[in-house]
Amino acid sequence: MATRESIRQVVVEAVHGVAPEADFSGVDVARSLREQLDLDSFDWLNVLIALHGALGVEVAEADYGKVDTLDALVGYLAQRLGVA
């Protein structure tokens, strides 16, 4: 069963699949993940596609602005997966 921590790990793995040099050690969970890790829109789209493949959750295009931070993305995915 998925947990918020396991979802967070899937997000980290998805980002590393697109940007292997991404360093999460100093990431502020409340600031834009794209800005902190220097991901352009194409990279971000590939991260979201990877998350869909790994978790089966599609992030609707209308929700892209809502999942900009690590906390927001994990929360969004957790909600869609029914994780408390």
PDB file of N, CA and C in Angstrom:
ATOM      1  N   MET A   1       0.838  -1.189   0.000  1.00  0.00           N
ATOM      2  CA  MET A   1       0.000   0.000   0.000  1.00  0.00           C
ATOM      3  C   MET A   1       0.882   1.251   0.000  1.00  0.00           C
ATOM      4  N   ALA A   2       0.479   2.210  -0.771  1.00  0.00           N
ATOM      5  CA  ALA A   2       1.253   3.449  -0.889  1.00  0.00           C
ATOM      6  C   ALA A   2       1.124   4.290   0.380  1.00  0.00           C
ATOM      7  N   THR A   3       2.223   4.972   0.695  1.00  0.00           N
ATOM      8  CA  THR A   3       2.239   5.951   1.776  1.00  0.00           C
ATOM      9  C   THR A   3       2.749   7.257   1.186  1.00  0.00           C
ATOM     10  N   ARG A   4       2.606   8.328   1.929  1.00  0.00           N
ATOM     11  CA  ARG A   4       3.133   9.606   1.439  1.00  0.00           C
ATOM     12  C   ARG A   4       4.645   9.516   1.207  1.00  0.00           C
ATOM     13  N   GLU A   5       5.336   8.790   2.074  1.00  0.00           N
ATOM     14  CA  GLU A   5       6.785   8.654   1.911  1.00  0.00           C
ATOM     15  C   GLU A   5       7.130   7.839   0.666  1.00  0.00           C
ATOM     16  N   SER A   6       6.377   6.781   0.399  1.00  0.00           N
ATOM     17  CA  SER A   6       6.658   5.987  -0.804  1.00  0.00           C
ATOM     18  C   SER A   6       6.326   6.783  -2.062  1.00  0.00           C
ATOM     19  N   ILE A   7       5.289   7.600  -1.993  1.00  0.00           N
ATOM     20  CA  ILE A   7       4.943   8.467  -3.127  1.00  0.00           C
ATOM     21  C   ILE A   7       6.053   9.488  -3.346  1.00  0.00           C
ATOM     22  N   ARG A   8       6.567  10.060  -2.258  1.00  0.00           N
ATOM     23  CA  ARG A   8       7.670  11.019  -2.362  1.00  0.00           C
ATOM     24  C   ARG A   8       8.877  10.369  -3.033  1.00  0.00           C
ATOM     25  N   GLN A   9       9.159   9.127  -2.677  1.00  0.00           N
ATOM     26  CA  GLN A   9      10.292   8.424  -3.274  1.00  0.00           C
ATOM     27  C   GLN A   9      10.070   8.204  -4.770  1.00  0.00           C
ATOM     28  N   VAL A  10       8.850   7.895  -5.165  1.00  0.00           N
ATOM     29  CA  VAL A  10       8.531   7.730  -6.589  1.00  0.00           C
ATOM     30  C   VAL A  10       8.729   9.052  -7.325  1.00  0.00           C
ATOM     31  N   VAL A  11       8.348  10.165  -6.694  1.00  0.00           N
ATOM     32  CA  VAL A  11       8.552  11.485  -7.299  1.00  0.00           C
ATOM     33  C   VAL A  11      10.050  11.733  -7.489  1.00  0.00           C
ATOM     34  N   VAL A  12      10.850  11.453  -6.470  1.00  0.00           N
ATOM     35  CA  VAL A  12      12.303  11.652  -6.562  1.00  0.00           C
ATOM     36  C   VAL A  12      12.869  10.800  -7.699  1.00  0.00           C
ATOM     37  N   GLU A  13      12.443   9.556  -7.775  1.00  0.00           N
ATOM     38  CA  GLU A  13      12.925   8.669  -8.838  1.00  0.00           C
ATOM     39  C   GLU A  13      12.508   9.174 -10.217  1.00  0.00           C
ATOM     40  N   ALA A  14      11.288   9.684 -10.330  1.00  0.00           N
ATOM     41  CA  ALA A  14      10.812  10.210 -11.614  1.00  0.00           C
ATOM     42  C   ALA A  14      11.642  11.417 -12.037  1.00  0.00           C
ATOM     43  N   VAL A  15      11.935  12.291 -11.090  1.00  0.00           N
ATOM     44  CA  VAL A  15      12.765  13.463 -11.401  1.00  0.00           C
ATOM     45  C   VAL A  15      14.163  13.017 -11.800  1.00  0.00           C
ATOM     46  N   HIS A  16      14.735  12.074 -11.063  1.00  0.00           N
ATOM     47  CA  HIS A  16      16.080  11.591 -11.399  1.00  0.00           C
ATOM     48  C   HIS A  16      16.114  10.906 -12.762  1.00  0.00           C
ATOM     49  N   GLY A  17      14.993  10.315 -13.185  1.00  0.00           N
ATOM     50  CA  GLY A  17      14.924   9.716 -14.513  1.00  0.00           C
ATOM     51  C   GLY A  17      15.036  10.753 -15.617  1.00  0.00           C
ATOM     52  N   VAL A  18      14.582  11.957 -15.338  1.00  0.00           N
ATOM     53  CA  VAL A  18      14.611  13.056 -16.306  1.00  0.00           C
ATOM     54  C   VAL A  18      15.856  13.918 -16.115  1.00  0.00           C
ATOM     55  N   ALA A  19      16.217  14.140 -14.862  1.00  0.00           N
ATOM     56  CA  ALA A  19      17.360  15.007 -14.522  1.00  0.00           C
ATOM     57  C   ALA A  19      18.213  14.289 -13.472  1.00  0.00           C
ATOM     58  N   PRO A  20      19.087  13.386 -13.925  1.00  0.00           N
ATOM     59  CA  PRO A  20      19.873  12.570 -12.995  1.00  0.00           C
ATOM     60  C   PRO A  20      20.722  13.390 -12.019  1.00  0.00           C
ATOM     61  N   GLU A  21      21.040  14.610 -12.393  1.00  0.00           N
ATOM     62  CA  GLU A  21      21.882  15.453 -11.547  1.00  0.00           C
ATOM     63  C   GLU A  21      21.094  16.182 -10.460  1.00  0.00           C
ATOM     64  N   ALA A  22      19.772  16.038 -10.463  1.00  0.00           N
ATOM     65  CA  ALA A  22      18.922  16.743  -9.489  1.00  0.00           C
ATOM     66  C   ALA A  22      19.304  16.352  -8.066  1.00  0.00           C
ATOM     67  N   ASP A  23      19.496  17.360  -7.226  1.00  0.00           N
ATOM     68  CA  ASP A  23      19.893  17.150  -5.840  1.00  0.00           C
ATOM     69  C   ASP A  23      18.748  17.559  -4.922  1.00  0.00           C
ATOM     70  N   PHE A  24      18.161  16.596  -4.257  1.00  0.00           N
ATOM     71  CA  PHE A  24      17.024  16.858  -3.387  1.00  0.00           C
ATOM     72  C   PHE A  24      17.430  17.213  -1.969  1.00  0.00           C
ATOM     73  N   SER A  25      18.720  17.182  -1.671  1.00  0.00           N
ATOM     74  CA  SER A  25      19.163  17.392  -0.288  1.00  0.00           C
ATOM     75  C   SER A  25      18.789  18.766   0.255  1.00  0.00           C
ATOM     76  N   GLY A  26      18.741  19.769  -0.588  1.00  0.00           N
ATOM     77  CA  GLY A  26      18.411  21.109  -0.122  1.00  0.00           C
ATOM     78  C   GLY A  26      17.067  21.617  -0.590  1.00  0.00           C
ATOM     79  N   VAL A  27      16.214  20.725  -1.072  1.00  0.00           N
ATOM     80  CA  VAL A  27      14.928  21.146  -1.618  1.00  0.00           C
ATOM     81  C   VAL A  27      13.998  21.610  -0.501  1.00  0.00           C
ATOM     82  N   ASP A  28      13.442  22.783  -0.704  1.00  0.00           N
ATOM     83  CA  ASP A  28      12.416  23.326   0.187  1.00  0.00           C
ATOM     84  C   ASP A  28      11.085  22.796  -0.331  1.00  0.00           C
ATOM     85  N   VAL A  29      10.390  22.007   0.486  1.00  0.00           N
ATOM     86  CA  VAL A  29       9.172  21.336   0.044  1.00  0.00           C
ATOM     87  C   VAL A  29       8.035  22.300  -0.278  1.00  0.00           C
ATOM     88  N   ALA A  30       8.183  23.566   0.118  1.00  0.00           N
ATOM     89  CA  ALA A  30       7.127  24.554  -0.100  1.00  0.00           C
ATOM     90  C   ALA A  30       7.448  25.523  -1.248  1.00  0.00           C
ATOM     91  N   ARG A  31       8.600  25.341  -1.887  1.00  0.00           N
ATOM     92  CA  ARG A  31       8.979  26.201  -3.023  1.00  0.00           C
ATOM     93  C   ARG A  31       8.897  25.409  -4.320  1.00  0.00           C
ATOM     94  N   SER A  32       8.807  26.118  -5.418  1.00  0.00           N
ATOM     95  CA  SER A  32       8.688  25.495  -6.730  1.00  0.00           C
ATOM     96  C   SER A  32       9.802  24.474  -6.972  1.00  0.00           C
ATOM     97  N   LEU A  33       9.393  23.250  -7.195  1.00  0.00           N
ATOM     98  CA  LEU A  33      10.342  22.182  -7.481  1.00  0.00           C
ATOM     99  C   LEU A  33      11.046  22.432  -8.804  1.00  0.00           C
ATOM    100  N   ARG A  34      10.292  22.885  -9.791  1.00  0.00           N
ATOM    101  CA  ARG A  34      10.889  23.167 -11.107  1.00  0.00           C
ATOM    102  C   ARG A  34      11.987  24.210 -11.002  1.00  0.00           C
ATOM    103  N   GLU A  35      11.739  25.270 -10.254  1.00  0.00           N
ATOM    104  CA  GLU A  35      12.735  26.332 -10.120  1.00  0.00           C
ATOM    105  C   GLU A  35      13.965  25.848  -9.367  1.00  0.00           C
ATOM    106  N   GLN A  36      13.749  25.135  -8.276  1.00  0.00           N
ATOM    107  CA  GLN A  36      14.870  24.677  -7.452  1.00  0.00           C
ATOM    108  C   GLN A  36      15.765  23.683  -8.178  1.00  0.00           C
ATOM    109  N   LEU A  37      15.169  22.842  -9.010  1.00  0.00           N
ATOM    110  CA  LEU A  37      15.932  21.805  -9.705  1.00  0.00           C
ATOM    111  C   LEU A  37      16.213  22.167 -11.160  1.00  0.00           C
ATOM    112  N   ASP A  38      15.846  23.387 -11.553  1.00  0.00           N
ATOM    113  CA  ASP A  38      16.095  23.895 -12.895  1.00  0.00           C
ATOM    114  C   ASP A  38      15.512  22.969 -13.969  1.00  0.00           C
ATOM    115  N   LEU A  39      14.234  22.636 -13.813  1.00  0.00           N
ATOM    116  CA  LEU A  39      13.539  21.792 -14.782  1.00  0.00           C
ATOM    117  C   LEU A  39      12.720  22.674 -15.709  1.00  0.00           C
ATOM    118  N   ASP A  40      12.914  22.519 -17.006  1.00  0.00           N
ATOM    119  CA  ASP A  40      12.100  23.296 -17.936  1.00  0.00           C
ATOM    120  C   ASP A  40      10.743  22.594 -18.113  1.00  0.00           C
ATOM    121  N   SER A  41       9.866  23.190 -18.885  1.00  0.00           N
ATOM    122  CA  SER A  41       8.506  22.656 -19.014  1.00  0.00           C
ATOM    123  C   SER A  41       8.504  21.265 -19.653  1.00  0.00           C
ATOM    124  N   PHE A  42       9.417  21.022 -20.573  1.00  0.00           N
ATOM    125  CA  PHE A  42       9.510  19.696 -21.204  1.00  0.00           C
ATOM    126  C   PHE A  42       9.955  18.660 -20.173  1.00  0.00           C
ATOM    127  N   ASP A  43      10.946  19.002 -19.353  1.00  0.00           N
ATOM    128  CA  ASP A  43      11.395  18.107 -18.280  1.00  0.00           C
ATOM    129  C   ASP A  43      10.245  17.804 -17.326  1.00  0.00           C
ATOM    130  N   TRP A  44       9.512  18.858 -16.939  1.00  0.00           N
ATOM    131  CA  TRP A  44       8.411  18.694 -15.989  1.00  0.00           C
ATOM    132  C   TRP A  44       7.331  17.782 -16.559  1.00  0.00           C
ATOM    133  N   LEU A  45       7.016  17.959 -17.829  1.00  0.00           N
ATOM    134  CA  LEU A  45       6.036  17.097 -18.482  1.00  0.00           C
ATOM    135  C   LEU A  45       6.514  15.646 -18.450  1.00  0.00           C
ATOM    136  N   ASN A  46       7.783  15.422 -18.698  1.00  0.00           N
ATOM    137  CA  ASN A  46       8.327  14.064 -18.654  1.00  0.00           C
ATOM    138  C   ASN A  46       8.275  13.479 -17.241  1.00  0.00           C
ATOM    139  N   VAL A  47       8.467  14.309 -16.227  1.00  0.00           N
ATOM    140  CA  VAL A  47       8.320  13.852 -14.841  1.00  0.00           C
ATOM    141  C   VAL A  47       6.881  13.404 -14.602  1.00  0.00           C
ATOM    142  N   LEU A  48       5.924  14.213 -15.032  1.00  0.00           N
ATOM    143  CA  LEU A  48       4.513  13.874 -14.827  1.00  0.00           C
ATOM    144  C   LEU A  48       4.125  12.612 -15.592  1.00  0.00           C
ATOM    145  N   ILE A  49       4.684  12.429 -16.779  1.00  0.00           N
ATOM    146  CA  ILE A  49       4.433  11.205 -17.558  1.00  0.00           C
ATOM    147  C   ILE A  49       5.017   9.997 -16.829  1.00  0.00           C
ATOM    148  N   ALA A  50       6.222  10.152 -16.277  1.00  0.00           N
ATOM    149  CA  ALA A  50       6.849   9.064 -15.523  1.00  0.00           C
ATOM    150  C   ALA A  50       6.021   8.710 -14.286  1.00  0.00           C
ATOM    151  N   LEU A  51       5.482   9.722 -13.616  1.00  0.00           N
ATOM    152  CA  LEU A  51       4.645   9.474 -12.445  1.00  0.00           C
ATOM    153  C   LEU A  51       3.367   8.730 -12.838  1.00  0.00           C
ATOM    154  N   HIS A  52       2.808   9.093 -13.972  1.00  0.00           N
ATOM    155  CA  HIS A  52       1.624   8.388 -14.463  1.00  0.00           C
ATOM    156  C   HIS A  52       1.952   6.920 -14.697  1.00  0.00           C
ATOM    157  N   GLY A  53       3.106   6.669 -15.298  1.00  0.00           N
ATOM    158  CA  GLY A  53       3.509   5.288 -15.547  1.00  0.00           C
ATOM    159  C   GLY A  53       3.766   4.515 -14.265  1.00  0.00           C
ATOM    160  N   ALA A  54       4.369   5.166 -13.278  1.00  0.00           N
ATOM    161  CA  ALA A  54       4.732   4.496 -12.034  1.00  0.00           C
ATOM    162  C   ALA A  54       3.548   4.309 -11.089  1.00  0.00           C
ATOM    163  N   LEU A  55       2.662   5.292 -11.056  1.00  0.00           N
ATOM    164  CA  LEU A  55       1.567   5.271 -10.080  1.00  0.00           C
ATOM    165  C   LEU A  55       0.179   5.100 -10.685  1.00  0.00           C
ATOM    166  N   GLY A  56       0.086   5.292 -11.992  1.00  0.00           N
ATOM    167  CA  GLY A  56      -1.217   5.194 -12.640  1.00  0.00           C
ATOM    168  C   GLY A  56      -2.090   6.414 -12.411  1.00  0.00           C
ATOM    169  N   VAL A  57      -1.481   7.511 -11.986  1.00  0.00           N
ATOM    170  CA  VAL A  57      -2.230   8.747 -11.724  1.00  0.00           C
ATOM    171  C   VAL A  57      -1.840   9.769 -12.775  1.00  0.00           C
ATOM    172  N   GLU A  58      -2.831  10.264 -13.496  1.00  0.00           N
ATOM    173  CA  GLU A  58      -2.578  11.307 -14.480  1.00  0.00           C
ATOM    174  C   GLU A  58      -2.856  12.663 -13.840  1.00  0.00           C
ATOM    175  N   VAL A  59      -1.899  13.566 -13.975  1.00  0.00           N
ATOM    176  CA  VAL A  59      -2.096  14.936 -13.492  1.00  0.00           C
ATOM    177  C   VAL A  59      -2.727  15.706 -14.641  1.00  0.00           C
ATOM    178  N   ALA A  60      -3.938  16.171 -14.419  1.00  0.00           N
ATOM    179  CA  ALA A  60      -4.651  16.916 -15.457  1.00  0.00           C
ATOM    180  C   ALA A  60      -3.905  18.209 -15.768  1.00  0.00           C
ATOM    181  N   GLU A  61      -3.903  18.582 -17.029  1.00  0.00           N
ATOM    182  CA  GLU A  61      -3.197  19.807 -17.440  1.00  0.00           C
ATOM    183  C   GLU A  61      -3.677  21.013 -16.642  1.00  0.00           C
ATOM    184  N   ALA A  62      -4.949  21.044 -16.322  1.00  0.00           N
ATOM    185  CA  ALA A  62      -5.507  22.155 -15.545  1.00  0.00           C
ATOM    186  C   ALA A  62      -4.935  22.206 -14.131  1.00  0.00           C
ATOM    187  N   ASP A  63      -4.366  21.095 -13.668  1.00  0.00           N
ATOM    188  CA  ASP A  63      -3.813  21.022 -12.310  1.00  0.00           C
ATOM    189  C   ASP A  63      -2.301  21.230 -12.250  1.00  0.00           C
ATOM    190  N   TYR A  64      -1.653  21.434 -13.378  1.00  0.00           N
ATOM    191  CA  TYR A  64      -0.197  21.590 -13.390  1.00  0.00           C
ATOM    192  C   TYR A  64       0.271  22.674 -12.410  1.00  0.00           C
ATOM    193  N   GLY A  65      -0.445  23.782 -12.339  1.00  0.00           N
ATOM    194  CA  GLY A  65      -0.059  24.872 -11.454  1.00  0.00           C
ATOM    195  C   GLY A  65      -0.234  24.539  -9.982  1.00  0.00           C
ATOM    196  N   LYS A  66      -1.044  23.531  -9.705  1.00  0.00           N
ATOM    197  CA  LYS A  66      -1.310  23.140  -8.318  1.00  0.00           C
ATOM    198  C   LYS A  66      -0.270  22.181  -7.762  1.00  0.00           C
ATOM    199  N   VAL A  67       0.584  21.627  -8.612  1.00  0.00           N
ATOM    200  CA  VAL A  67       1.533  20.599  -8.186  1.00  0.00           C
ATOM    201  C   VAL A  67       2.980  21.054  -8.370  1.00  0.00           C
ATOM    202  N   ASP A  68       3.227  22.320  -8.152  1.00  0.00           N
ATOM    203  CA  ASP A  68       4.541  22.902  -8.397  1.00  0.00           C
ATOM    204  C   ASP A  68       5.552  22.596  -7.295  1.00  0.00           C
ATOM    205  N   THR A  69       5.091  22.411  -6.065  1.00  0.00           N
ATOM    206  CA  THR A  69       6.014  22.131  -4.963  1.00  0.00           C
ATOM    207  C   THR A  69       6.024  20.633  -4.675  1.00  0.00           C
ATOM    208  N   LEU A  70       7.064  20.177  -3.996  1.00  0.00           N
ATOM    209  CA  LEU A  70       7.148  18.757  -3.657  1.00  0.00           C
ATOM    210  C   LEU A  70       5.968  18.347  -2.774  1.00  0.00           C
ATOM    211  N   ASP A  71       5.661  19.147  -1.765  1.00  0.00           N
ATOM    212  CA  ASP A  71       4.530  18.828  -0.889  1.00  0.00           C
ATOM    213  C   ASP A  71       3.214  18.784  -1.656  1.00  0.00           C
ATOM    214  N   ALA A  72       3.001  19.746  -2.546  1.00  0.00           N
ATOM    215  CA  ALA A  72       1.751  19.798  -3.307  1.00  0.00           C
ATOM    216  C   ALA A  72       1.637  18.594  -4.242  1.00  0.00           C
ATOM    217  N   LEU A  73       2.725  18.227  -4.876  1.00  0.00           N
ATOM    218  CA  LEU A  73       2.708  17.096  -5.799  1.00  0.00           C
ATOM    219  C   LEU A  73       2.441  15.799  -5.047  1.00  0.00           C
ATOM    220  N   VAL A  74       3.126  15.591  -3.935  1.00  0.00           N
ATOM    221  CA  VAL A  74       2.908  14.378  -3.139  1.00  0.00           C
ATOM    222  C   VAL A  74       1.463  14.353  -2.625  1.00  0.00           C
ATOM    223  N   GLY A  75       0.960  15.486  -2.151  1.00  0.00           N
ATOM    224  CA  GLY A  75      -0.416  15.557  -1.671  1.00  0.00           C
ATOM    225  C   GLY A  75      -1.429  15.254  -2.757  1.00  0.00           C
ATOM    226  N   TYR A  76      -1.208  15.799  -3.931  1.00  0.00           N
ATOM    227  CA  TYR A  76      -2.098  15.571  -5.078  1.00  0.00           C
ATOM    228  C   TYR A  76      -2.138  14.086  -5.424  1.00  0.00           C
ATOM    229  N   LEU A  77      -0.963  13.488  -5.529  1.00  0.00           N
ATOM    230  CA  LEU A  77      -0.884  12.070  -5.881  1.00  0.00           C
ATOM    231  C   LEU A  77      -1.496  11.201  -4.783  1.00  0.00           C
ATOM    232  N   ALA A  78      -1.213  11.545  -3.535  1.00  0.00           N
ATOM    233  CA  ALA A  78      -1.765  10.782  -2.409  1.00  0.00           C
ATOM    234  C   ALA A  78      -3.289  10.822  -2.418  1.00  0.00           C
ATOM    235  N   GLN A  79      -3.837  11.999  -2.681  1.00  0.00           N
ATOM    236  CA  GLN A  79      -5.297  12.134  -2.731  1.00  0.00           C
ATOM    237  C   GLN A  79      -5.873  11.249  -3.834  1.00  0.00           C
ATOM    238  N   ARG A  80      -5.256  11.272  -5.002  1.00  0.00           N
ATOM    239  CA  ARG A  80      -5.748  10.468  -6.131  1.00  0.00           C
ATOM    240  C   ARG A  80      -5.620   8.976  -5.858  1.00  0.00           C
ATOM    241  N   LEU A  81      -4.641   8.600  -5.024  1.00  0.00           N
ATOM    242  CA  LEU A  81      -4.432   7.187  -4.700  1.00  0.00           C
ATOM    243  C   LEU A  81      -5.197   6.759  -3.440  1.00  0.00           C
ATOM    244  N   GLY A  82      -5.875   7.703  -2.814  1.00  0.00           N
ATOM    245  CA  GLY A  82      -6.640   7.378  -1.620  1.00  0.00           C
ATOM    246  C   GLY A  82      -5.802   7.175  -0.379  1.00  0.00           C
ATOM    247  N   VAL A  83      -4.623   7.793  -0.355  1.00  0.00           N
ATOM    248  CA  VAL A  83      -3.731   7.702   0.809  1.00  0.00           C
ATOM    249  C   VAL A  83      -4.058   8.835   1.759  1.00  0.00           C
ATOM    250  N   ALA A  84      -4.229   8.490   3.017  1.00  0.00           N
ATOM    251  CA  ALA A  84      -4.580   9.515   4.015  1.00  0.00           C
ATOM    252  C   ALA A  84      -3.397  10.407   4.342  1.00  0.00           C
TER     253      ALA A  84
END
